[in-house]
Amino acid sequence: MEWGNLEFGGAQISDIKRRGEWAEIRFIAKAMEYGYRLTRPVGGSPPYDVVVDLGGQFISVQVKSTIAIRGRRKVLPVDCYSLTMRCGGHRYRLSDFHYVAAYIIPRDLWYIIPFALVIGRSTLLLRPDDPPDNGYERFREAWHLLGVMPPTIDPSLPVKYQRYRVRGGQSAKGRLRKRPEPPGDPRFVI
């Protein structure tokens, strides 16, 4: 197998843990290509896989990968990839990490998604055939986000208040919300 040939890559690794480690290594290689300085935690089992060093500030990243296609409803027969957002059977907590790096192995696509957008979810659905402004598609190959410390999440506010706005007054679930925008870095609010 030659480097970069995914035809017989991670999708052929049947052991889920080994496939996850393979995805972490691919994430590290890709992030280093963009010039990021990285480190991996040693010992214990923190809820994140990689740390990005921004020169005194550190961003934690949880790497997830999938080969699982979920069929869409009959109306829209487009591929939808499913990721489990759990650690040891539990949902991730508020302070576990800053970003999710989601890798769709068959498509060789990365999504760099701020944790505040997926907090409280047990499953993440990625639809690479959707328009670029729809759902998580705006985070596809968004490697530039790793150079920015995301806004802090206020633990006193309900989880749904913390979700980033997606477009035109819609939340991540697509329902209209009539409440003020959460405070934070304007680069993350659309």
Foldseek 3Di string as FASTA:
>chain_A
DDPPDLPCPLVVDPDQVVSQVVQLVVVVVVLVVVPWDKDADDDDDALFGIWTDLPPDIFTEHEWEWQDWDADPPVDRATKTKTFQADPPHHDDQPRGFWYWYAYRVVRKTFTGGVLQCHPPGMDIDGCVDDCLAARNVRIVVSVCSNDRFWHDDPVDDSQLSHAPRDDQAGSVGDHDDDDRDDTDPVRHD
